[in-house]
Amino acid sequence: HPDLKDNLLEGINLIKKGIHPSKILAITFTNKAAKEMKERVFDLIKHDQTLNLPISFNERPFVSTFHSLGVHIIKENSSLLEIPRHFTIYDRGDSKRAIKDALEEIGLDPKQYDPTSILSAISREKGDGITLATYKNQEKKYFQKIVAQVWEKYEATLAKEKSLDFDDLLLKTAGLLKKHPEIRK
């Protein structure tokens, strides 16, 4: 992809201008794109004769997906979130099961209230930067009230299991970056 090649070359030019490689961040959406970027960046660094080599592994640019960056930031600051450094990440299947259990716990039939729809509603809110506390304080219609009740149980399950879901990787990271200038820096 031409834009990718231009961006990778710009990263090499930054290094040539004296920017420390570990101060360069390259982020993308998919694991496949991140892998390709990482391979190409490291290959360009390795084969550029104008760079002062050897460059150790720690001096390479940080190349990852948004979610992987979130994991990295959360692990470094896990005590601020009151979670263990080595937390579990719920995949979509884990989350659906937890939503189904939450529905049953509040006395609702998962056949009547689709766990996938409720999970999608929670995911959409988290994607918009809305926390459970904020959501609970908004005026709600009937379905939204159910979502709020289920979300509360779901969050309790995540906390009990010392887990985060994929949406939390972005939401919690954004929260850390907003609240803590030292983390942003």
N, C-alpha and C. Protein backbone atom coordinates (compact mmCIF):
# COMPACT_ATOMS: atom_id res chain seq x y z
N HIS A 1 0.85 -1.18 0.00
CA HIS A 1 0.00 0.00 0.00
C HIS A 1 0.90 1.24 0.00
N PRO A 2 0.70 2.20 -0.93
CA PRO A 2 1.59 3.36 -1.04
C PRO A 2 1.63 4.23 0.22
N ASP A 3 0.47 4.46 0.85
CA ASP A 3 0.46 5.30 2.06
C ASP A 3 1.26 4.66 3.17
N LEU A 4 1.14 3.33 3.31
CA LEU A 4 1.89 2.63 4.34
C LEU A 4 3.38 2.79 4.10
N LYS A 5 3.81 2.62 2.85
CA LYS A 5 5.23 2.74 2.54
C LYS A 5 5.72 4.15 2.85
N ASP A 6 4.94 5.18 2.48
CA ASP A 6 5.32 6.56 2.78
C ASP A 6 5.43 6.79 4.28
N ASN A 7 4.46 6.26 5.04
CA ASN A 7 4.48 6.42 6.49
C ASN A 7 5.67 5.70 7.12
N LEU A 8 6.00 4.52 6.61
CA LEU A 8 7.15 3.78 7.13
C LEU A 8 8.44 4.53 6.85
N LEU A 9 8.54 5.08 5.64
CA LEU A 9 9.74 5.85 5.30
C LEU A 9 9.84 7.11 6.15
N GLU A 10 8.69 7.72 6.46
CA GLU A 10 8.69 8.89 7.33
C GLU A 10 9.21 8.52 8.72
N GLY A 11 8.84 7.33 9.19
CA GLY A 11 9.35 6.86 10.47
C GLY A 11 10.87 6.72 10.44
N ILE A 12 11.41 6.18 9.37
CA ILE A 12 12.87 6.06 9.22
C ILE A 12 13.50 7.45 9.16
N ASN A 13 12.86 8.38 8.45
CA ASN A 13 13.39 9.75 8.38
C ASN A 13 13.41 10.40 9.75
N LEU A 14 12.40 10.13 10.59
CA LEU A 14 12.40 10.66 11.95
C LEU A 14 13.61 10.15 12.73
N ILE A 15 13.90 8.87 12.56
CA ILE A 15 15.06 8.28 13.25
C ILE A 15 16.34 8.95 12.74
N LYS A 16 16.43 9.16 11.43
CA LYS A 16 17.61 9.82 10.86
C LYS A 16 17.77 11.25 11.38
N LYS A 17 16.65 11.89 11.71
CA LYS A 17 16.70 13.26 12.24
C LYS A 17 17.02 13.29 13.73
N GLY A 18 17.19 12.13 14.34
CA GLY A 18 17.59 12.09 15.74
C GLY A 18 16.50 11.70 16.72
N ILE A 19 15.30 11.40 16.23
CA ILE A 19 14.23 10.95 17.12
C ILE A 19 14.55 9.52 17.54
N HIS A 20 14.54 9.28 18.84
CA HIS A 20 14.84 7.94 19.34
C HIS A 20 13.74 6.99 18.85
N PRO A 21 14.11 5.84 18.29
CA PRO A 21 13.10 4.92 17.75
C PRO A 21 12.00 4.54 18.74
N SER A 22 12.35 4.42 20.02
CA SER A 22 11.34 4.03 21.01
C SER A 22 10.33 5.14 21.28
N LYS A 23 10.55 6.33 20.72
CA LYS A 23 9.61 7.45 20.86
C LYS A 23 8.63 7.52 19.70
N ILE A 24 8.72 6.56 18.79
CA ILE A 24 7.84 6.53 17.62
C ILE A 24 6.75 5.48 17.83
N LEU A 25 5.51 5.87 17.59
CA LEU A 25 4.36 5.00 17.78
C LEU A 25 3.63 4.85 16.45
N ALA A 26 3.39 3.62 16.03
CA ALA A 26 2.63 3.34 14.81
C ALA A 26 1.47 2.42 15.19
N ILE A 27 0.25 2.87 14.95
CA ILE A 27 -0.94 2.15 15.38
C ILE A 27 -1.86 1.88 14.19
N THR A 28 -2.47 0.71 14.19
CA THR A 28 -3.43 0.35 13.15
C THR A 28 -4.57 -0.46 13.78
N PHE A 29 -5.55 -0.83 12.99
CA PHE A 29 -6.74 -1.51 13.51
C PHE A 29 -6.61 -3.02 13.60
N THR A 30 -5.96 -3.65 12.62
CA THR A 30 -5.97 -5.11 12.56
C THR A 30 -4.62 -5.70 12.93
N ASN A 31 -4.66 -6.92 13.45
CA ASN A 31 -3.42 -7.64 13.76
C ASN A 31 -2.59 -7.87 12.50
N LYS A 32 -3.27 -8.15 11.40
CA LYS A 32 -2.57 -8.41 10.14
C LYS A 32 -1.79 -7.17 9.70
N ALA A 33 -2.43 -6.00 9.75
CA ALA A 33 -1.76 -4.77 9.36
C ALA A 33 -0.62 -4.43 10.32
N ALA A 34 -0.83 -4.65 11.60
CA ALA A 34 0.22 -4.37 12.59
C ALA A 34 1.42 -5.27 12.35
N LYS A 35 1.15 -6.55 12.06
CA LYS A 35 2.25 -7.49 11.79
C LYS A 35 3.04 -7.05 10.56
N GLU A 36 2.32 -6.67 9.52
CA GLU A 36 2.99 -6.23 8.29
C GLU A 36 3.81 -4.96 8.54
N MET A 37 3.22 -4.01 9.26
CA MET A 37 3.95 -2.77 9.57
C MET A 37 5.20 -3.06 10.37
N LYS A 38 5.06 -3.90 11.38
CA LYS A 38 6.19 -4.23 12.25
C LYS A 38 7.31 -4.86 11.44
N GLU A 39 6.97 -5.84 10.61
CA GLU A 39 7.98 -6.52 9.79
C GLU A 39 8.68 -5.54 8.86
N ARG A 40 7.90 -4.67 8.23
CA ARG A 40 8.47 -3.72 7.28
C ARG A 40 9.32 -2.67 7.97
N VAL A 41 8.86 -2.16 9.11
CA VAL A 41 9.65 -1.15 9.84
C VAL A 41 10.97 -1.76 10.31
N PHE A 42 10.89 -2.93 10.93
CA PHE A 42 12.11 -3.54 11.45
C PHE A 42 13.06 -3.90 10.31
N ASP A 43 12.51 -4.31 9.17
CA ASP A 43 13.35 -4.63 8.01
C ASP A 43 14.02 -3.36 7.48
N LEU A 44 13.26 -2.26 7.39
CA LEU A 44 13.85 -1.00 6.93
C LEU A 44 14.96 -0.53 7.86
N ILE A 45 14.73 -0.65 9.15
CA ILE A 45 15.75 -0.24 10.13
C ILE A 45 16.99 -1.11 9.98
N LYS A 46 16.77 -2.40 9.86
CA LYS A 46 17.88 -3.35 9.78
C LYS A 46 18.75 -3.12 8.55
N HIS A 47 18.12 -2.76 7.43
CA HIS A 47 18.85 -2.66 6.17
C HIS A 47 19.24 -1.24 5.76
N ASP A 48 18.89 -0.25 6.56
CA ASP A 48 19.26 1.12 6.21
C ASP A 48 20.70 1.38 6.65
N GLN A 49 21.58 1.53 5.68
CA GLN A 49 23.02 1.69 5.96
C GLN A 49 23.35 3.05 6.57
N THR A 50 22.44 4.00 6.48
CA THR A 50 22.72 5.33 7.02
C THR A 50 22.42 5.44 8.52
N LEU A 51 21.77 4.42 9.08
CA LEU A 51 21.47 4.44 10.51
C LEU A 51 22.66 3.90 11.29
N ASN A 52 22.84 4.40 12.48
CA ASN A 52 23.91 3.95 13.34
C ASN A 52 23.48 2.65 14.03
N LEU A 53 23.81 1.54 13.43
CA LEU A 53 23.44 0.24 13.98
C LEU A 53 24.54 -0.29 14.87
N PRO A 54 24.34 -1.23 15.75
CA PRO A 54 23.09 -1.96 15.89
C PRO A 54 22.09 -1.22 16.78
N ILE A 55 20.83 -1.40 16.45
CA ILE A 55 19.74 -0.89 17.26
C ILE A 55 19.18 -2.08 18.02
N SER A 56 19.12 -1.96 19.33
CA SER A 56 18.62 -3.09 20.12
C SER A 56 17.11 -3.19 19.96
N PHE A 57 16.56 -4.30 20.43
CA PHE A 57 15.12 -4.53 20.35
C PHE A 57 14.35 -3.42 21.04
N ASN A 58 14.86 -2.92 22.17
CA ASN A 58 14.17 -1.89 22.93
C ASN A 58 14.19 -0.52 22.24
N GLU A 59 15.00 -0.36 21.25
CA GLU A 59 15.10 0.92 20.57
C GLU A 59 14.28 0.95 19.28
N ARG A 60 13.43 0.00 19.09
CA ARG A 60 12.58 -0.03 17.90
C ARG A 60 11.29 0.74 18.16
N PRO A 61 10.66 1.22 17.10
CA PRO A 61 9.36 1.87 17.27
C PRO A 61 8.33 0.89 17.84
N PHE A 62 7.33 1.44 18.52
CA PHE A 62 6.24 0.63 19.06
C PHE A 62 5.18 0.54 17.97
N VAL A 63 4.97 -0.65 17.45
CA VAL A 63 4.03 -0.89 16.36
C VAL A 63 3.00 -1.90 16.86
N SER A 64 1.71 -1.52 16.83
CA SER A 64 0.69 -2.44 17.32
C SER A 64 -0.69 -2.02 16.85
N THR A 65 -1.69 -2.75 17.32
CA THR A 65 -3.08 -2.36 17.11
C THR A 65 -3.49 -1.44 18.26
N PHE A 66 -4.63 -0.77 18.09
CA PHE A 66 -5.17 0.06 19.16
C PHE A 66 -5.40 -0.77 20.42
N HIS A 67 -5.96 -1.97 20.25
CA HIS A 67 -6.26 -2.82 21.40
C HIS A 67 -4.98 -3.28 22.10
N SER A 68 -3.97 -3.63 21.34
CA SER A 68 -2.69 -4.04 21.95
C SER A 68 -2.04 -2.89 22.69
N LEU A 69 -2.13 -1.70 22.13
CA LEU A 69 -1.62 -0.52 22.85
C LEU A 69 -2.39 -0.34 24.15
N GLY A 70 -3.71 -0.54 24.10
CA GLY A 70 -4.52 -0.45 25.31
C GLY A 70 -4.06 -1.44 26.36
N VAL A 71 -3.82 -2.67 25.96
CA VAL A 71 -3.34 -3.69 26.90
C VAL A 71 -2.03 -3.24 27.52
N HIS A 72 -1.13 -2.72 26.71
CA HIS A 72 0.18 -2.27 27.18
C HIS A 72 0.02 -1.15 28.22
N ILE A 73 -0.80 -0.16 27.92
CA ILE A 73 -1.01 0.97 28.83
C ILE A 73 -1.70 0.51 30.11
N ILE A 74 -2.70 -0.35 29.98
CA ILE A 74 -3.43 -0.85 31.15
C ILE A 74 -2.50 -1.66 32.05
N LYS A 75 -1.69 -2.53 31.47
CA LYS A 75 -0.77 -3.33 32.29
C LYS A 75 0.20 -2.45 33.05
N GLU A 76 0.72 -1.42 32.39
CA GLU A 76 1.66 -0.51 33.05
C GLU A 76 1.01 0.28 34.17
N ASN A 77 -0.32 0.43 34.12
CA ASN A 77 -1.03 1.27 35.08
C ASN A 77 -2.17 0.52 35.76
N SER A 78 -2.03 -0.78 35.87
CA SER A 78 -3.11 -1.62 36.40
C SER A 78 -3.50 -1.23 37.82
N SER A 79 -2.55 -0.76 38.62
CA SER A 79 -2.89 -0.41 40.01
C SER A 79 -3.87 0.76 40.06
N LEU A 80 -3.81 1.66 39.09
CA LEU A 80 -4.75 2.78 39.06
C LEU A 80 -6.17 2.31 38.76
N LEU A 81 -6.29 1.19 38.08
CA LEU A 81 -7.60 0.62 37.74
C LEU A 81 -8.03 -0.45 38.74
N GLU A 82 -7.16 -0.71 39.70
CA GLU A 82 -7.41 -1.74 40.71
C GLU A 82 -7.69 -3.10 40.08
N ILE A 83 -6.88 -3.43 39.10
CA ILE A 83 -6.93 -4.75 38.48
C ILE A 83 -5.52 -5.32 38.50
N PRO A 84 -5.39 -6.65 38.44
CA PRO A 84 -4.04 -7.22 38.41
C PRO A 84 -3.36 -6.92 37.07
N ARG A 85 -2.05 -6.87 37.11
CA ARG A 85 -1.27 -6.61 35.89
C ARG A 85 -1.56 -7.68 34.82
N HIS A 86 -1.79 -8.89 35.27
CA HIS A 86 -2.06 -10.00 34.35
C HIS A 86 -3.55 -10.35 34.43
N PHE A 87 -4.34 -9.58 33.71
CA PHE A 87 -5.78 -9.77 33.69
C PHE A 87 -6.15 -10.63 32.48
N THR A 88 -7.38 -11.14 32.49
CA THR A 88 -7.89 -11.93 31.39
C THR A 88 -8.69 -11.02 30.46
N ILE A 89 -8.66 -11.31 29.18
CA ILE A 89 -9.44 -10.55 28.21
C ILE A 89 -10.58 -11.44 27.72
N TYR A 90 -11.81 -10.99 27.96
CA TYR A 90 -12.98 -11.72 27.49
C TYR A 90 -13.12 -11.54 25.98
N ASP A 91 -13.29 -12.65 25.27
CA ASP A 91 -13.63 -12.55 23.86
C ASP A 91 -15.15 -12.43 23.74
N ARG A 92 -15.65 -12.32 22.54
CA ARG A 92 -17.09 -12.11 22.33
C ARG A 92 -17.92 -13.26 22.93
N GLY A 93 -17.45 -14.48 22.80
CA GLY A 93 -18.16 -15.63 23.35
C GLY A 93 -18.23 -15.58 24.87
N ASP A 94 -17.11 -15.24 25.51
CA ASP A 94 -17.09 -15.10 26.97
C ASP A 94 -18.08 -14.03 27.40
N SER A 95 -18.10 -12.91 26.68
CA SER A 95 -18.99 -11.81 27.03
C SER A 95 -20.45 -12.20 26.87
N LYS A 96 -20.77 -12.90 25.78
CA LYS A 96 -22.16 -13.34 25.57
C LYS A 96 -22.62 -14.26 26.70
N ARG A 97 -21.76 -15.18 27.11
CA ARG A 97 -22.11 -16.08 28.22
C ARG A 97 -22.35 -15.29 29.50
N ALA A 98 -21.49 -14.30 29.77
CA ALA A 98 -21.64 -13.49 30.97
C ALA A 98 -22.93 -12.66 30.92
N ILE A 99 -23.28 -12.17 29.74
CA ILE A 99 -24.54 -11.41 29.58
C ILE A 99 -25.73 -12.32 29.81
N LYS A 100 -25.67 -13.53 29.26
CA LYS A 100 -26.75 -14.52 29.46
C LYS A 100 -26.91 -14.81 30.94
N ASP A 101 -25.80 -15.03 31.64
CA ASP A 101 -25.85 -15.29 33.08
C ASP A 101 -26.43 -14.09 33.83
N ALA A 102 -26.05 -12.88 33.42
CA ALA A 102 -26.57 -11.67 34.06
C ALA A 102 -28.07 -11.55 33.88
N LEU A 103 -28.55 -11.86 32.68
CA LEU A 103 -30.00 -11.84 32.43
C LEU A 103 -30.72 -12.80 33.38
N GLU A 104 -30.20 -14.01 33.47
CA GLU A 104 -30.82 -15.01 34.34
C GLU A 104 -30.76 -14.57 35.80
N GLU A 105 -29.65 -13.93 36.19
CA GLU A 105 -29.49 -13.48 37.57
C GLU A 105 -30.53 -12.43 37.96
N ILE A 106 -30.93 -11.59 37.01
CA ILE A 106 -31.94 -10.58 37.33
C ILE A 106 -33.36 -11.06 37.00
N GLY A 107 -33.47 -12.35 36.65
CA GLY A 107 -34.78 -12.95 36.46
C GLY A 107 -35.39 -12.77 35.08
N LEU A 108 -34.56 -12.54 34.07
CA LEU A 108 -35.06 -12.38 32.70
C LEU A 108 -34.64 -13.57 31.84
N ASP A 109 -35.48 -13.92 30.89
CA ASP A 109 -35.24 -15.06 30.03
C ASP A 109 -34.35 -14.64 28.84
N PRO A 110 -33.16 -15.26 28.72
CA PRO A 110 -32.27 -14.95 27.59
C PRO A 110 -32.87 -15.25 26.22
N LYS A 111 -33.95 -16.05 26.18
CA LYS A 111 -34.63 -16.30 24.91
C LYS A 111 -35.53 -15.12 24.54
N GLN A 112 -35.98 -14.41 25.55
CA GLN A 112 -36.83 -13.24 25.31
C GLN A 112 -35.98 -11.98 25.11
N TYR A 113 -34.89 -11.89 25.83
CA TYR A 113 -33.99 -10.74 25.74
C TYR A 113 -32.66 -11.23 25.19
N ASP A 114 -32.43 -11.00 23.93
CA ASP A 114 -31.27 -11.54 23.22
C ASP A 114 -29.95 -11.02 23.81
N PRO A 115 -29.12 -11.92 24.34
CA PRO A 115 -27.83 -11.50 24.90
C PRO A 115 -26.94 -10.77 23.88
N THR A 116 -27.02 -11.17 22.62
CA THR A 116 -26.21 -10.51 21.59
C THR A 116 -26.63 -9.05 21.43
N SER A 117 -27.92 -8.78 21.45
CA SER A 117 -28.41 -7.40 21.33
C SER A 117 -27.99 -6.56 22.52
N ILE A 118 -28.08 -7.14 23.70
CA ILE A 118 -27.69 -6.40 24.90
C ILE A 118 -26.19 -6.16 24.90
N LEU A 119 -25.41 -7.16 24.53
CA LEU A 119 -23.95 -6.99 24.45
C LEU A 119 -23.61 -5.92 23.41
N SER A 120 -24.31 -5.91 22.29
CA SER A 120 -24.06 -4.89 21.26
C SER A 120 -24.36 -3.49 21.80
N ALA A 121 -25.43 -3.37 22.57
CA ALA A 121 -25.79 -2.07 23.15
C ALA A 121 -24.70 -1.61 24.12
N ILE A 122 -24.21 -2.51 24.95
CA ILE A 122 -23.14 -2.17 25.90
C ILE A 122 -21.87 -1.80 25.14
N SER A 123 -21.56 -2.59 24.13
CA SER A 123 -20.36 -2.35 23.33
C SER A 123 -20.42 -0.99 22.63
N ARG A 124 -21.60 -0.66 22.11
CA ARG A 124 -21.78 0.63 21.43
C ARG A 124 -21.55 1.78 22.40
N GLU A 125 -22.09 1.66 23.61
CA GLU A 125 -21.91 2.71 24.62
C GLU A 125 -20.44 2.84 25.00
N LYS A 126 -19.79 1.72 25.25
CA LYS A 126 -18.37 1.76 25.61
C LYS A 126 -17.56 2.36 24.46
N GLY A 127 -17.92 2.00 23.24
CA GLY A 127 -17.23 2.55 22.06
C GLY A 127 -17.40 4.05 21.94
N ASP A 128 -18.50 4.57 22.48
CA ASP A 128 -18.74 6.02 22.48
C ASP A 128 -18.14 6.69 23.71
N GLY A 129 -17.39 5.91 24.51
CA GLY A 129 -16.74 6.48 25.68
C GLY A 129 -17.63 6.59 26.90
N ILE A 130 -18.77 5.90 26.88
CA ILE A 130 -19.73 5.97 27.98
C ILE A 130 -19.44 4.84 28.97
N THR A 131 -19.29 5.20 30.23
CA THR A 131 -19.09 4.21 31.28
C THR A 131 -20.45 3.78 31.84
N LEU A 132 -20.44 2.71 32.61
CA LEU A 132 -21.67 2.25 33.25
C LEU A 132 -22.26 3.35 34.14
N ALA A 133 -21.41 4.02 34.92
CA ALA A 133 -21.90 5.07 35.82
C ALA A 133 -22.61 6.17 35.05
N THR A 134 -22.05 6.59 33.94
CA THR A 134 -22.67 7.63 33.11
C THR A 134 -23.97 7.12 32.51
N TYR A 135 -23.95 5.90 32.01
CA TYR A 135 -25.13 5.31 31.38
C TYR A 135 -26.29 5.20 32.37
N LYS A 136 -25.98 4.81 33.60
CA LYS A 136 -27.02 4.65 34.61
C LYS A 136 -27.70 5.98 34.95
N ASN A 137 -26.99 7.08 34.76
CA ASN A 137 -27.54 8.40 35.09
C ASN A 137 -28.32 9.04 33.95
N GLN A 138 -28.36 8.39 32.79
CA GLN A 138 -29.11 8.92 31.66
C GLN A 138 -30.56 8.47 31.73
N GLU A 139 -31.45 9.29 31.18
CA GLU A 139 -32.85 8.90 31.09
C GLU A 139 -32.96 7.72 30.12
N LYS A 140 -33.75 6.72 30.51
CA LYS A 140 -33.78 5.50 29.71
C LYS A 140 -35.20 5.04 29.40
N LYS A 141 -35.30 4.38 28.26
CA LYS A 141 -36.52 3.68 27.89
C LYS A 141 -36.42 2.26 28.47
N TYR A 142 -37.46 1.47 28.26
CA TYR A 142 -37.53 0.13 28.85
C TYR A 142 -36.29 -0.72 28.53
N PHE A 143 -35.94 -0.85 27.25
CA PHE A 143 -34.80 -1.69 26.87
C PHE A 143 -33.51 -1.16 27.50
N GLN A 144 -33.35 0.14 27.53
CA GLN A 144 -32.14 0.72 28.12
C GLN A 144 -32.04 0.44 29.62
N LYS A 145 -33.19 0.37 30.29
CA LYS A 145 -33.18 0.03 31.72
C LYS A 145 -32.69 -1.40 31.91
N ILE A 146 -33.12 -2.28 31.02
CA ILE A 146 -32.65 -3.68 31.08
C ILE A 146 -31.15 -3.72 30.81
N VAL A 147 -30.71 -2.99 29.80
CA VAL A 147 -29.28 -2.94 29.49
C VAL A 147 -28.49 -2.48 30.71
N ALA A 148 -28.97 -1.44 31.39
CA ALA A 148 -28.28 -0.92 32.58
C ALA A 148 -28.17 -1.98 33.67
N GLN A 149 -29.26 -2.72 33.92
CA GLN A 149 -29.24 -3.76 34.94
C GLN A 149 -28.26 -4.88 34.57
N VAL A 150 -28.32 -5.30 33.31
CA VAL A 150 -27.45 -6.39 32.85
C VAL A 150 -26.00 -5.92 32.86
N TRP A 151 -25.77 -4.70 32.40
CA TRP A 151 -24.40 -4.16 32.35
C TRP A 151 -23.79 -4.14 33.74
N GLU A 152 -24.58 -3.78 34.73
CA GLU A 152 -24.07 -3.75 36.11
C GLU A 152 -23.62 -5.15 36.55
N LYS A 153 -24.43 -6.16 36.27
CA LYS A 153 -24.07 -7.54 36.61
C LYS A 153 -22.85 -8.00 35.80
N TYR A 154 -22.83 -7.61 34.53
CA TYR A 154 -21.72 -7.97 33.63
C TYR A 154 -20.41 -7.39 34.16
N GLU A 155 -20.43 -6.13 34.57
CA GLU A 155 -19.23 -5.50 35.11
C GLU A 155 -18.78 -6.19 36.40
N ALA A 156 -19.75 -6.61 37.21
CA ALA A 156 -19.42 -7.33 38.45
C ALA A 156 -18.73 -8.65 38.12
N THR A 157 -19.21 -9.33 37.08
CA THR A 157 -18.59 -10.59 36.65
C THR A 157 -17.17 -10.34 36.16
N LEU A 158 -16.98 -9.30 35.33
CA LEU A 158 -15.64 -8.98 34.85
C LEU A 158 -14.70 -8.70 36.02
N ALA A 159 -15.17 -7.92 36.98
CA ALA A 159 -14.33 -7.58 38.14
C ALA A 159 -13.99 -8.84 38.95
N LYS A 160 -15.00 -9.67 39.19
CA LYS A 160 -14.79 -10.91 39.95
C LYS A 160 -13.77 -11.82 39.26
N GLU A 161 -13.86 -11.87 37.94
CA GLU A 161 -12.97 -12.73 37.15
C GLU A 161 -11.63 -12.05 36.82
N LYS A 162 -11.45 -10.82 37.32
CA LYS A 162 -10.23 -10.04 37.02
C LYS A 162 -10.02 -9.97 35.51
N SER A 163 -11.08 -9.53 34.82
CA SER A 163 -11.11 -9.53 33.37
C SER A 163 -11.57 -8.19 32.81
N LEU A 164 -11.23 -7.98 31.57
CA LEU A 164 -11.73 -6.86 30.78
C LEU A 164 -12.23 -7.43 29.46
N ASP A 165 -13.16 -6.72 28.81
CA ASP A 165 -13.55 -7.14 27.47
C ASP A 165 -12.83 -6.26 26.45
N PHE A 166 -13.00 -6.55 25.16
CA PHE A 166 -12.29 -5.80 24.13
C PHE A 166 -12.61 -4.31 24.18
N ASP A 167 -13.85 -3.99 24.47
CA ASP A 167 -14.25 -2.58 24.54
C ASP A 167 -13.56 -1.88 25.71
N ASP A 168 -13.36 -2.60 26.82
CA ASP A 168 -12.67 -2.03 27.97
C ASP A 168 -11.23 -1.66 27.63
N LEU A 169 -10.62 -2.41 26.74
CA LEU A 169 -9.23 -2.12 26.39
C LEU A 169 -9.08 -0.70 25.85
N LEU A 170 -10.10 -0.23 25.13
CA LEU A 170 -10.08 1.13 24.61
C LEU A 170 -10.67 2.11 25.62
N LEU A 171 -11.80 1.76 26.24
CA LEU A 171 -12.48 2.66 27.17
C LEU A 171 -11.61 2.95 28.39
N LYS A 172 -11.03 1.92 28.98
CA LYS A 172 -10.21 2.12 30.18
C LYS A 172 -8.92 2.85 29.84
N THR A 173 -8.36 2.58 28.68
CA THR A 173 -7.16 3.29 28.25
C THR A 173 -7.46 4.77 28.06
N ALA A 174 -8.57 5.06 27.39
CA ALA A 174 -8.97 6.46 27.18
C ALA A 174 -9.17 7.16 28.52
N GLY A 175 -9.79 6.47 29.47
CA GLY A 175 -9.99 7.04 30.80
C GLY A 175 -8.68 7.36 31.50
N LEU A 176 -7.72 6.42 31.40
CA LEU A 176 -6.40 6.66 32.00
C LEU A 176 -5.72 7.87 31.36
N LEU A 177 -5.79 7.95 30.04
CA LEU A 177 -5.13 9.04 29.33
C LEU A 177 -5.78 10.39 29.64
N LYS A 178 -7.10 10.40 29.81
CA LYS A 178 -7.80 11.65 30.16
C LYS A 178 -7.45 12.13 31.56
N LYS A 179 -7.41 11.19 32.50
CA LYS A 179 -7.23 11.53 33.91
C LYS A 179 -5.78 11.79 34.32
N HIS A 180 -4.84 11.19 33.61
CA HIS A 180 -3.44 11.20 34.08
C HIS A 180 -2.49 11.77 33.02
N PRO A 181 -2.13 13.04 33.15
CA PRO A 181 -1.21 13.64 32.18
C PRO A 181 0.12 12.92 32.09
N GLU A 182 0.58 12.36 33.21
CA GLU A 182 1.88 11.65 33.21
C GLU A 182 1.82 10.39 32.33
N ILE A 183 0.66 9.77 32.24
CA ILE A 183 0.50 8.61 31.36
C ILE A 183 0.47 9.07 29.90
N ARG A 184 -0.26 10.14 29.64
CA ARG A 184 -0.30 10.69 28.28
C ARG A 184 1.10 11.01 27.78
N LYS A 185 1.88 11.61 28.65
CA LYS A 185 3.25 12.00 28.27
C LYS A 185 4.08 10.78 27.95
